[in-house]
Each structure stands twice: as C-alpha cells, then as structure tokens.
Protein backbone atom coordinates (compact mmCIF):
# COMPACT_ATOMS: atom_id res chain seq x y z
CA MET A 1 -46.99 15.26 -62.11
CA GLU A 2 -44.41 17.69 -60.74
CA SER A 3 -43.44 17.95 -56.98
CA SER A 4 -43.93 20.94 -54.85
CA GLU A 5 -40.14 21.49 -54.91
CA GLU A 6 -40.15 21.39 -58.70
CA GLN A 7 -43.12 23.67 -59.02
CA SER A 8 -41.72 26.22 -56.62
CA LEU A 9 -38.36 26.06 -58.66
CA LEU A 10 -40.31 26.71 -61.91
CA LYS A 11 -42.25 29.67 -60.18
CA ALA A 12 -38.95 31.15 -58.93
CA ILE A 13 -37.19 31.12 -62.43
CA GLY A 14 -40.24 32.61 -63.88
CA THR A 15 -40.38 35.32 -61.37
CA ALA A 16 -36.67 36.06 -61.84
CA ILE A 17 -37.03 36.34 -65.66
CA LYS A 18 -40.05 38.62 -65.17
CA MET A 19 -38.12 40.80 -62.62
CA LYS A 20 -35.20 41.00 -65.20
CA ARG A 21 -37.61 41.67 -67.94
CA VAL A 22 -39.25 44.64 -66.15
CA GLU A 23 -35.97 45.97 -65.05
CA ALA A 24 -34.80 45.89 -68.69
CA GLY A 25 -38.01 47.94 -69.56
CA LEU A 26 -39.19 45.19 -72.02
CA THR A 27 -42.86 43.94 -72.65
CA GLN A 28 -43.12 40.18 -73.01
CA GLU A 29 -43.66 40.69 -76.63
CA ALA A 30 -40.50 42.66 -77.04
CA LEU A 31 -38.47 40.01 -75.09
CA ALA A 32 -40.00 37.43 -76.99
CA ASN A 33 -39.03 38.91 -80.30
CA GLY A 34 -35.62 39.85 -79.34
CA SER A 35 -34.86 36.20 -78.06
CA GLY A 36 -36.80 34.21 -80.82
CA VAL A 37 -39.09 32.58 -78.35
CA ALA A 38 -42.88 32.58 -78.60
CA ARG A 39 -44.49 35.10 -76.33
CA SER A 40 -46.99 32.29 -75.27
CA PHE A 41 -43.92 30.41 -74.20
CA LEU A 42 -42.51 33.24 -72.22
CA SER A 43 -45.77 33.88 -70.55
CA GLY A 44 -46.06 30.35 -69.37
CA VAL A 45 -42.42 30.39 -68.13
CA GLU A 46 -42.89 33.58 -66.07
CA ARG A 47 -46.00 31.94 -64.45
CA GLY A 48 -44.19 28.66 -63.82
CA ALA A 49 -46.29 26.70 -65.99
CA LYS A 50 -43.61 25.89 -68.68
CA ARG A 51 -40.05 24.88 -68.42
CA ALA A 52 -37.26 27.07 -69.73
CA THR A 53 -34.59 25.02 -71.51
CA VAL A 54 -31.09 25.95 -71.13
CA THR A 55 -31.15 27.18 -74.53
CA SER A 56 -34.35 29.45 -73.95
CA LEU A 57 -32.84 30.76 -70.64
CA TRP A 58 -29.62 31.78 -72.63
CA LYS A 59 -31.56 33.40 -75.23
CA LEU A 60 -33.66 35.41 -72.91
CA ALA A 61 -30.88 36.36 -70.91
CA LEU A 62 -28.87 37.85 -73.92
CA ALA A 63 -32.11 39.64 -75.20
CA MET A 64 -32.22 41.16 -71.44
CA ASN A 65 -28.44 41.92 -71.56
CA CYS A 66 -27.75 39.86 -68.58
CA LEU A 67 -26.27 36.47 -68.20
CA PRO A 68 -28.16 33.33 -67.44
CA SER A 69 -26.46 32.95 -64.06
CA GLU A 70 -27.91 36.36 -63.02
CA ILE A 71 -31.36 34.78 -63.51
CA LEU A 72 -30.51 31.71 -61.72
CA SER A 73 -28.94 33.68 -58.85
CA SER A 74 -32.29 35.80 -58.62
CA ALA A 75 -34.31 32.39 -58.65
CA GLU A 76 -32.15 31.00 -55.75
CA GLY A 77 -32.55 34.06 -53.80
CA LEU A 78 -36.37 33.88 -54.10
CA LEU A 79 -36.40 30.26 -53.02
CA SER A 80 -34.07 30.97 -50.08
CA LYS A 81 -36.57 33.63 -48.94
CA LYS A 82 -39.30 30.94 -49.04
CA GLY A 83 -37.45 28.46 -47.16
C-alpha cells in the first residue's frame, strides 16, 4: 500500500504528463503510439494509478518533444502548490 505522499507524487507526475500531452495537442492514443507504451498504461499513469518508470517517462517526453526534466519540474510545481 502506498503512503499518501507517494500517491500525491504519482498523481502530480500523471497530471504533469497529461498537461504536456494536451499542450502538445496529442490524444492518449497518439502519445501511446508515438512513445511505444500501451494506451491503458498511459491512462493509468495520468490518473496516478500506475507508476511511470524512468524509461517510460523518457519515451513519453521524447514523443511530446520535451525533456523528462520538464515533466518532473511541472510535477514539483504541482506538489508545492498543494504543500
């Protein structure tokens, strides 16, 4: 079972990925196809229900033409707003 802190982190990362995806004008299906991850996995990550690995985060970022650090920075900003 995950702590509330871990769950908050997963949700923040998922929200940051979704924000970048929408900003890039991509559907979940298009991002999944472009990154080589399953759409169901991407959906779970965006909801905070699944954990993105470093590899999957890298693939998603490249498919959205951004750096993984941009996603993590956005997630950090979301967490600090909750703080």
